[in-house]
Amino acid sequence: MSAAAETAELSLGRADFEAAYANVAPFVYRTPILASRSLCEASGLDVRLKAELFQRGGSYKVRGPLNKIARLSEQERARGVICSSAGNHSQGVALAARQYGVRAVVVMAENATPAKVAATEGYGAKVVLHGSIWDEANEKALELMESEGLTYIHPFDDPQLIAGQGTVGLEIMEEVPDAELVIVPIGGGGLISGVSMAVKALSPGVRVVGVESSGAPAMKRSVEAGRRITLDEVECVIDGLRVKRVGENTRSVVSRFVDEIVTLPDDRIFDAVLWLMTRTKLVTEGAAASPVAALLEGLVDAPAGTRTVCVLSGGNLDVEKLRGLSWN
């Protein structure tokens, strides 16, 4: 099968996710699934929260790199890995590489938040600052990959990374086997691709809904068009949702395994961040609060009492960005 055909037809089953979990489980926390009476009352659904904000590194992002690095040859591990990211992916790769004693290089834009640079370096990665946007940083990462023989770890479109992220779905179905609805944030699509395939591998009838910022609906438009769409502009300030072009693997998976995509503005998502702080005492980043925002805004149509799990994907909230926003 050609690489193009493999990309178009990526479909992972239960055995793939169980194999990924064997690689991931020794190094991650099995994060809790929490009940919220307030959210149940506000939405009319029976809601649980998969709290990946308590994960190592503060988000689910360590899972995929752990699976990816576990599958590298000894020669590839000896040469090291590289990625480009301004956020959680950089920390996930750095943390996963440290677990395996693998050299990690992370390219970040020169305007990256100092706290994120420090956190990435704290996990042992070498940080290279280059360019003013992710695309420029990524070009540098690809140059270093070629010149230094490093293995590139894509932030969302690698099948082994997707399998690792999908271990979130396995944990959900093991702990909430009667789940009927799972709601997941969408940025580049790695998390929802893995979760949707894993959930449906265990229980095909579960409905999966994705949530995007209405200022960056790259996945929704791509699925509707049947091909990847590159947005001309992105009006979104939330790091985990601010994507102009999704992956081809992730577009294909989402088109086949995700039942619906809803969108809403950033300010409504930040309202949900504050709602979670106030009502549940959980501090999430913007992307992680988007499933809850979708419920609070009534965007997910489901019968009363539907057993629902919202994936709170991380807790690395950019406080400075939060201070610059206002709410009605």
Protein backbone atom coordinates (compact mmCIF):
# COMPACT_ATOMS: atom_id res chain seq x y z
CA MET A 1 0.00 0.00 0.00
CA SER A 2 1.32 3.46 -0.86
CA ALA A 3 2.02 6.12 1.74
CA ALA A 4 -0.83 8.18 0.30
CA ALA A 5 -3.26 5.28 0.65
CA GLU A 6 -2.12 4.59 4.19
CA THR A 7 -2.68 8.23 5.09
CA ALA A 8 -6.17 8.25 3.59
CA GLU A 9 -7.21 5.02 5.27
CA LEU A 10 -5.67 5.20 8.74
CA SER A 11 -7.83 3.09 11.03
CA LEU A 12 -6.57 1.74 14.34
CA GLY A 13 -8.31 -1.02 16.29
CA ARG A 14 -8.46 -2.20 19.87
CA ALA A 15 -5.21 -4.16 19.62
CA ASP A 16 -3.36 -1.07 18.40
CA PHE A 17 -4.51 1.00 21.35
CA GLU A 18 -3.83 -1.75 23.86
CA ALA A 19 -0.29 -2.05 22.47
CA ALA A 20 0.11 1.72 22.76
CA TYR A 21 -1.19 1.61 26.32
CA ALA A 22 1.48 -0.95 27.23
CA ASN A 23 4.08 1.60 26.11
CA VAL A 24 2.42 4.57 27.75
CA ALA A 25 1.06 3.25 31.06
CA PRO A 26 4.37 2.79 32.92
CA PHE A 27 5.12 6.50 32.62
CA VAL A 28 1.78 8.31 32.94
CA TYR A 29 -0.82 8.91 35.60
CA ARG A 30 -4.19 7.28 35.15
CA THR A 31 -6.05 10.54 35.48
CA PRO A 32 -9.37 10.63 37.33
CA ILE A 33 -12.83 10.80 35.83
CA LEU A 34 -14.73 13.23 38.01
CA ALA A 35 -18.45 13.82 38.51
CA SER A 36 -19.85 17.35 38.52
CA ARG A 37 -23.34 17.84 39.92
CA SER A 38 -23.30 21.48 38.76
CA LEU A 39 -22.53 20.53 35.17
CA CYS A 40 -25.17 17.79 35.22
CA GLU A 41 -27.75 20.33 36.35
CA ALA A 42 -26.62 22.97 33.85
CA SER A 43 -26.62 20.59 30.86
CA GLY A 44 -29.34 18.10 31.75
CA LEU A 45 -26.89 15.29 31.01
CA ASP A 46 -25.11 12.79 33.25
CA VAL A 47 -21.62 14.27 32.88
CA ARG A 48 -18.15 13.07 33.89
CA LEU A 49 -14.87 14.95 33.38
CA LYS A 50 -11.72 13.12 32.22
CA ALA A 51 -9.16 15.28 33.99
CA GLU A 52 -5.97 15.16 31.90
CA LEU A 53 -4.96 18.45 33.52
CA PHE A 54 -3.55 16.21 36.27
CA GLN A 55 -1.35 14.36 33.77
CA ARG A 56 2.45 14.54 33.84
CA GLY A 57 3.44 17.73 32.09
CA GLY A 58 -0.03 19.13 32.68
CA SER A 59 -1.75 17.62 29.62
CA TYR A 60 -2.42 14.48 27.59
CA LYS A 61 0.39 15.43 25.20
CA VAL A 62 2.99 13.14 26.80
CA ARG A 63 1.07 10.01 25.78
CA GLY A 64 1.69 10.16 22.03
CA PRO A 65 5.43 10.84 22.21
CA LEU A 66 5.84 8.00 24.71
CA ASN A 67 4.34 5.57 22.23
CA LYS A 68 6.33 7.03 19.35
CA ILE A 69 9.68 6.85 21.14
CA ALA A 70 8.96 3.34 22.44
CA ARG A 71 8.71 2.18 18.82
CA LEU A 72 11.97 3.74 17.64
CA SER A 73 14.97 1.54 16.90
CA GLU A 74 18.02 1.73 19.14
CA GLN A 75 19.84 3.61 16.38
CA GLU A 76 17.03 6.16 16.11
CA ARG A 77 16.95 6.65 19.86
CA ALA A 78 20.70 7.16 19.90
CA ARG A 79 20.38 9.98 17.36
CA GLY A 80 17.56 11.72 19.24
CA VAL A 81 14.21 13.31 18.44
CA ILE A 82 13.01 16.75 17.41
CA CYS A 83 9.74 18.63 17.33
CA SER A 84 8.42 22.15 16.93
CA SER A 85 5.84 23.56 19.29
CA ALA A 86 5.02 26.59 21.38
CA GLY A 87 3.03 24.67 23.94
CA ASN A 88 2.14 21.31 25.39
CA HIS A 89 3.65 19.19 22.60
CA SER A 90 7.12 20.53 23.38
CA GLN A 91 6.78 19.56 27.02
CA GLY A 92 5.27 16.19 26.13
CA VAL A 93 8.14 15.31 23.80
CA ALA A 94 10.74 16.53 26.28
CA LEU A 95 9.21 14.54 29.13
CA ALA A 96 8.77 11.38 27.05
CA ALA A 97 12.35 11.58 25.74
CA ARG A 98 13.66 11.92 29.28
CA GLN A 99 11.88 8.72 30.32
CA TYR A 100 13.79 6.83 27.63
CA GLY A 101 17.09 8.66 28.02
CA VAL A 102 16.75 10.08 24.50
CA ARG A 103 18.13 13.44 23.42
CA ALA A 104 15.36 15.89 22.53
CA VAL A 105 15.54 19.12 20.57
CA VAL A 106 12.54 21.45 20.54
CA VAL A 107 12.27 24.40 18.17
CA MET A 108 10.07 27.22 19.44
CA ALA A 109 9.29 30.65 18.01
CA GLU A 110 11.37 33.48 19.42
CA ASN A 111 8.27 35.00 21.04
CA ALA A 112 7.40 31.80 22.93
CA THR A 113 6.24 32.29 26.49
CA PRO A 114 9.33 32.24 28.76
CA ALA A 115 7.53 29.94 31.21
CA LYS A 116 6.94 27.36 28.46
CA VAL A 117 10.57 27.57 27.36
CA ALA A 118 11.73 27.08 30.93
CA ALA A 119 9.35 24.13 31.46
CA THR A 120 10.59 22.43 28.30
CA GLU A 121 14.22 22.92 29.27
CA GLY A 122 13.37 21.71 32.75
CA TYR A 123 12.42 18.33 31.28
CA GLY A 124 15.86 18.11 29.72
CA ALA A 125 15.26 19.21 26.13
CA LYS A 126 17.47 21.57 24.17
CA VAL A 127 15.36 24.54 23.07
CA VAL A 128 16.17 26.32 19.81
CA LEU A 129 14.38 29.65 19.28
CA HIS A 130 13.68 30.50 15.67
CA GLY A 131 11.22 32.66 13.75
CA SER A 132 8.11 34.47 14.92
CA ILE A 133 5.43 31.84 14.17
CA TRP A 134 5.12 28.05 14.40
CA ASP A 135 5.53 27.58 10.65
CA GLU A 136 8.97 29.21 10.72
CA ALA A 137 9.97 27.23 13.79
CA ASN A 138 8.81 24.05 12.08
CA GLU A 139 10.91 24.78 9.00
CA LYS A 140 13.95 25.04 11.27
CA ALA A 141 13.03 21.78 12.98
CA LEU A 142 12.88 20.00 9.63
CA GLU A 143 16.29 21.43 8.70
CA LEU A 144 17.79 20.14 11.96
CA MET A 145 16.10 16.77 11.44
CA GLU A 146 17.94 16.40 8.14
CA SER A 147 21.30 17.77 9.24
CA GLU A 148 21.49 15.91 12.58
CA GLY A 149 19.62 12.71 11.72
CA LEU A 150 16.94 13.31 14.33
CA THR A 151 13.50 11.69 14.30
CA TYR A 152 10.72 14.22 13.84
CA ILE A 153 7.68 13.88 16.10
CA HIS A 154 4.70 15.59 14.50
CA PRO A 155 2.38 17.41 16.93
CA PHE A 156 -0.77 15.64 15.71
CA ASP A 157 -0.58 13.73 12.41
CA ASP A 158 1.65 10.74 13.20
CA PRO A 159 -0.19 7.37 13.46
CA GLN A 160 1.91 6.22 16.43
CA LEU A 161 1.34 9.52 18.18
CA ILE A 162 -2.40 9.25 17.49
CA ALA A 163 -2.41 5.74 18.99
CA GLY A 164 -0.74 7.07 22.13
CA GLN A 165 -3.23 9.91 22.49
CA GLY A 166 -6.01 7.38 22.02
CA THR A 167 -5.11 5.72 25.32
CA VAL A 168 -7.25 8.46 26.88
CA GLY A 169 -10.20 6.80 25.15
CA LEU A 170 -9.29 3.36 26.49
CA GLU A 171 -9.25 4.70 30.05
CA ILE A 172 -12.61 6.39 29.55
CA MET A 173 -14.30 3.21 28.34
CA GLU A 174 -12.73 1.07 31.06
CA GLU A 175 -14.04 3.38 33.78
CA VAL A 176 -17.32 4.46 32.17
CA PRO A 177 -18.26 1.39 30.09
CA ASP A 178 -21.81 2.63 29.64
CA ALA A 179 -20.73 6.00 28.22
CA GLU A 180 -23.00 7.19 25.43
CA LEU A 181 -21.36 10.48 24.43
CA VAL A 182 -17.72 11.64 24.50
CA ILE A 183 -16.84 15.29 23.81
CA VAL A 184 -13.28 16.19 22.80
CA PRO A 185 -11.43 19.41 21.84
CA ILE A 186 -10.05 19.72 18.30
CA GLY A 187 -6.85 21.53 17.35
CA GLY A 188 -4.84 19.62 14.77
CA GLY A 189 -6.95 16.56 15.50
CA GLY A 190 -4.51 14.11 17.10
CA LEU A 191 -6.43 13.73 20.35
CA ILE A 192 -9.90 13.34 18.87
CA SER A 193 -8.58 10.96 16.19
CA GLY A 194 -7.12 8.65 18.81
CA VAL A 195 -9.99 8.95 21.27
CA SER A 196 -12.71 8.45 18.65
CA MET A 197 -11.13 5.30 17.22
CA ALA A 198 -10.36 3.85 20.65
CA VAL A 199 -13.83 4.55 22.05
CA LYS A 200 -15.61 3.09 19.04
CA ALA A 201 -13.30 0.06 19.01
CA LEU A 202 -14.65 -0.80 22.45
CA SER A 203 -18.19 0.46 22.01
CA PRO A 204 -19.19 1.32 18.43
CA GLY A 205 -22.43 2.98 19.47
CA VAL A 206 -20.80 5.77 21.46
CA ARG A 207 -21.35 9.19 19.90
CA VAL A 208 -18.21 11.36 19.61
CA VAL A 209 -18.49 15.14 19.28
CA GLY A 210 -15.57 17.47 18.60
CA VAL A 211 -15.31 21.13 19.60
CA GLU A 212 -13.41 23.83 17.70
CA SER A 213 -13.05 27.56 18.07
CA SER A 214 -15.32 29.32 15.58
CA GLY A 215 -12.29 31.48 14.80
CA ALA A 216 -10.28 28.44 13.67
CA PRO A 217 -12.69 25.82 12.25
CA ALA A 218 -10.05 24.08 10.14
CA MET A 219 -11.28 20.55 10.87
CA LYS A 220 -14.97 21.27 10.41
CA ARG A 221 -14.38 22.94 7.05
CA SER A 222 -12.00 20.21 5.93
CA VAL A 223 -14.45 17.43 6.80
CA GLU A 224 -17.25 19.28 5.02
CA ALA A 225 -15.06 19.76 1.93
CA GLY A 226 -13.73 16.19 1.91
CA ARG A 227 -10.16 17.48 1.76
CA ARG A 228 -7.82 19.56 3.89
CA ILE A 229 -8.62 23.26 3.87
CA THR A 230 -6.02 25.84 4.86
CA LEU A 231 -7.69 28.77 6.57
CA ASP A 232 -6.76 32.18 5.20
CA GLU A 233 -6.69 33.59 8.70
CA VAL A 234 -7.26 32.42 12.24
CA GLU A 235 -9.14 34.55 14.75
CA CYS A 236 -8.39 32.48 17.83
CA VAL A 237 -6.11 33.17 20.80
CA ILE A 238 -6.34 29.70 22.36
CA ASP A 239 -3.08 27.83 21.69
CA GLY A 240 -4.52 24.33 21.58
CA LEU A 241 -7.26 25.31 19.09
CA ARG A 242 -5.38 27.81 16.91
CA VAL A 243 -4.68 25.72 13.80
CA LYS A 244 -4.85 26.85 10.16
CA ARG A 245 -4.44 23.38 8.62
CA VAL A 246 -5.17 20.00 10.19
CA GLY A 247 -3.39 16.75 9.32
CA GLU A 248 -4.41 14.45 6.48
CA ASN A 249 -4.45 11.44 8.81
CA THR A 250 -6.56 13.34 11.33
CA ARG A 251 -8.96 14.73 8.72
CA SER A 252 -9.55 11.24 7.38
CA VAL A 253 -10.11 9.74 10.83
CA VAL A 254 -12.41 12.52 12.01
CA SER A 255 -14.51 12.27 8.85
CA ARG A 256 -15.12 8.57 9.57
CA PHE A 257 -15.19 8.27 13.36
CA VAL A 258 -16.47 11.61 14.70
CA ASP A 259 -20.22 12.12 14.60
CA GLU A 260 -20.38 15.90 14.83
CA ILE A 261 -18.19 19.00 15.16
CA VAL A 262 -19.49 22.12 16.90
CA THR A 263 -17.83 25.52 17.12
CA LEU A 264 -18.08 28.48 19.44
CA PRO A 265 -16.18 31.75 20.03
CA ASP A 266 -13.15 32.06 22.26
CA ASP A 267 -14.94 34.24 24.80
CA ARG A 268 -17.52 31.53 25.44
CA ILE A 269 -14.71 29.03 25.93
CA PHE A 270 -13.00 31.32 28.42
CA ASP A 271 -16.33 31.68 30.20
CA ALA A 272 -16.18 27.90 30.66
CA VAL A 273 -12.64 28.18 32.06
CA LEU A 274 -13.99 30.50 34.75
CA TRP A 275 -17.09 28.34 35.25
CA LEU A 276 -14.90 25.31 35.91
CA MET A 277 -12.74 27.28 38.32
CA THR A 278 -15.77 28.53 40.22
CA ARG A 279 -18.00 25.44 40.21
CA THR A 280 -15.53 22.54 40.20
CA LYS A 281 -12.28 24.17 41.44
CA LEU A 282 -10.50 22.79 38.36
CA VAL A 283 -8.06 25.03 36.49
CA THR A 284 -8.01 24.14 32.81
CA GLU A 285 -6.42 25.73 29.77
CA GLY A 286 -8.73 27.16 27.13
CA ALA A 287 -8.79 24.20 24.76
CA ALA A 288 -9.56 21.83 27.63
CA ALA A 289 -12.62 23.81 28.64
CA SER A 290 -14.16 23.76 25.15
CA PRO A 291 -16.22 20.55 25.67
CA VAL A 292 -17.75 22.06 28.80
CA ALA A 293 -18.35 25.33 26.94
CA ALA A 294 -20.24 23.41 24.26
CA LEU A 295 -22.50 21.88 26.90
CA LEU A 296 -23.09 25.18 28.72
CA GLU A 297 -23.98 26.86 25.42
CA GLY A 298 -26.42 24.09 24.50
CA LEU A 299 -24.57 23.14 21.32
CA VAL A 300 -24.68 19.38 21.89
CA ASP A 301 -28.10 17.91 21.27
CA ALA A 302 -28.56 14.79 23.40
CA PRO A 303 -31.43 13.24 25.38
CA ALA A 304 -31.70 14.19 29.03
CA GLY A 305 -29.54 12.03 31.25
CA THR A 306 -27.17 10.89 28.47
CA ARG A 307 -24.04 9.43 30.08
CA THR A 308 -21.40 11.90 28.86
CA VAL A 309 -17.64 12.25 29.28
CA CYS A 310 -15.89 15.55 28.54
CA VAL A 311 -12.14 15.35 27.95
CA LEU A 312 -10.40 18.14 29.86
CA SER A 313 -7.21 17.90 27.83
CA GLY A 314 -4.83 19.98 29.94
CA GLY A 315 -4.26 22.58 32.63
CA ASN A 316 -1.39 24.71 31.35
CA LEU A 317 -3.33 27.96 31.41
CA ASP A 318 -1.56 31.05 30.06
CA VAL A 319 -2.44 33.43 32.89
CA GLU A 320 -1.06 36.51 31.12
CA LYS A 321 -3.34 35.89 28.15
CA LEU A 322 -6.26 35.34 30.49
CA ARG A 323 -5.67 38.73 32.13
CA GLY A 324 -6.02 40.48 28.79
CA LEU A 325 -9.57 39.26 28.21
CA SER A 326 -12.85 40.48 29.59
CA TRP A 327 -16.18 38.73 30.04
CA ASN A 328 -19.73 39.92 29.78
